[in-house]
Each structure stands twice: as C-alpha cells, then as structure tokens.
Amino acid sequence: MALKNRVLAVLEENKGKNVSGNDIAASVGMTRSAVWKAVKQLRNEGYTILAGTNKGYCLTEDNDFLSE
C-alpha cells in the first residue's frame, strides 16, 4: 500500500477530527516529513485536508471520493 494511501486511511478513520503529524507518522511507520509529502499529494488529488500548528491534520467531512 502506498504511503499516501496509509495516511489517507488514518485520516478517514478520524474524519472531521484533528490528528497530529506525529500520531500519523507513528501509526503508519514513517517520518513526519513523509506524512507532510503524502498530505500534499492528497491535496493535489482534490482532498480537503486542513492543517494547523499544534493541531495536526484534519480530513474535512465533505470529502467523499470513491477509492479503488
């Protein structure tokens, strides 16, 4: 499974909630930098992912894409 798909899975499990980059990195076994790059790729694909200092990442409720 691609790294961005693993990050997306964590964000979908916590849809509408903030998840820290550290928590995502620990749960998928990658660095925070790799998480940031995966989030950037997901945003380029059309996902709305909010990010804030000391808040983490949040996949908004309006993301309703079909996945493979």
Protein backbone atom coordinates (compact mmCIF):
# COMPACT_ATOMS: atom_id res chain seq x y z
CA MET A 1 0.00 0.00 0.00
CA ALA A 2 1.37 3.41 -0.96
CA LEU A 3 2.32 5.76 1.86
CA LYS A 4 -0.30 8.32 0.86
CA ASN A 5 -2.99 5.64 1.00
CA ARG A 6 -1.92 4.68 4.51
CA VAL A 7 -2.05 8.34 5.57
CA LEU A 8 -5.47 8.69 3.94
CA ALA A 9 -6.72 5.63 5.82
CA VAL A 10 -5.71 7.19 9.16
CA LEU A 11 -7.34 10.48 8.22
CA GLU A 12 -10.54 8.73 7.09
CA GLU A 13 -10.72 6.83 10.40
CA ASN A 14 -10.61 10.22 12.14
CA LYS A 15 -12.63 12.22 9.59
CA GLY A 16 -13.56 15.62 10.99
CA LYS A 17 -11.06 15.32 13.85
CA ASN A 18 -7.54 16.67 14.16
CA VAL A 19 -4.74 14.10 14.14
CA SER A 20 -1.16 15.14 14.86
CA GLY A 21 1.55 14.51 12.30
CA ASN A 22 3.45 12.58 14.97
CA ASP A 23 0.49 10.27 15.58
CA ILE A 24 0.02 9.63 11.87
CA ALA A 25 3.74 9.01 11.39
CA ALA A 26 3.84 6.56 14.30
CA SER A 27 0.76 4.63 13.18
CA VAL A 28 1.96 4.16 9.58
CA GLY A 29 5.68 3.83 10.31
CA MET A 30 7.05 6.88 8.51
CA THR A 31 8.54 10.26 9.31
CA ARG A 32 6.56 13.48 9.79
CA SER A 33 8.20 14.77 6.62
CA ALA A 34 6.84 11.79 4.68
CA VAL A 35 3.39 12.45 6.18
CA TRP A 36 3.59 16.07 5.02
CA LYS A 37 4.52 14.96 1.49
CA ALA A 38 1.66 12.43 1.44
CA VAL A 39 -0.80 15.12 2.59
CA LYS A 40 0.47 17.40 -0.17
CA GLN A 41 -0.16 14.65 -2.76
CA LEU A 42 -3.64 14.02 -1.40
CA ARG A 43 -4.47 17.72 -1.58
CA ASN A 44 -3.29 17.76 -5.20
CA GLU A 45 -5.72 14.91 -5.88
CA GLY A 46 -8.59 17.01 -4.55
CA TYR A 47 -8.88 16.04 -0.88
CA THR A 48 -9.57 18.89 1.52
CA ILE A 49 -7.15 18.42 4.39
CA LEU A 50 -6.84 21.20 6.92
CA ALA A 51 -3.64 21.69 8.88
CA GLY A 52 -2.76 23.90 11.79
CA THR A 53 0.19 24.44 14.08
CA ASN A 54 -0.22 22.33 17.22
CA LYS A 55 -3.47 20.92 15.78
CA GLY A 56 -2.35 18.42 13.18
CA TYR A 57 -4.24 17.37 10.07
CA CYS A 58 -7.98 17.09 9.56
CA LEU A 59 -9.78 15.47 6.63
CA THR A 60 -12.95 17.51 6.25
CA GLU A 61 -16.37 15.88 6.27
CA ASP A 62 -17.11 16.94 2.67
CA ASN A 63 -14.53 14.53 1.21
CA ASP A 64 -16.50 11.70 -0.33
CA PHE A 65 -14.31 10.17 -3.04
CA LEU A 66 -14.56 6.60 -4.23
CA SER A 67 -11.34 4.67 -3.80
CA GLU A 68 -10.08 1.59 -5.60
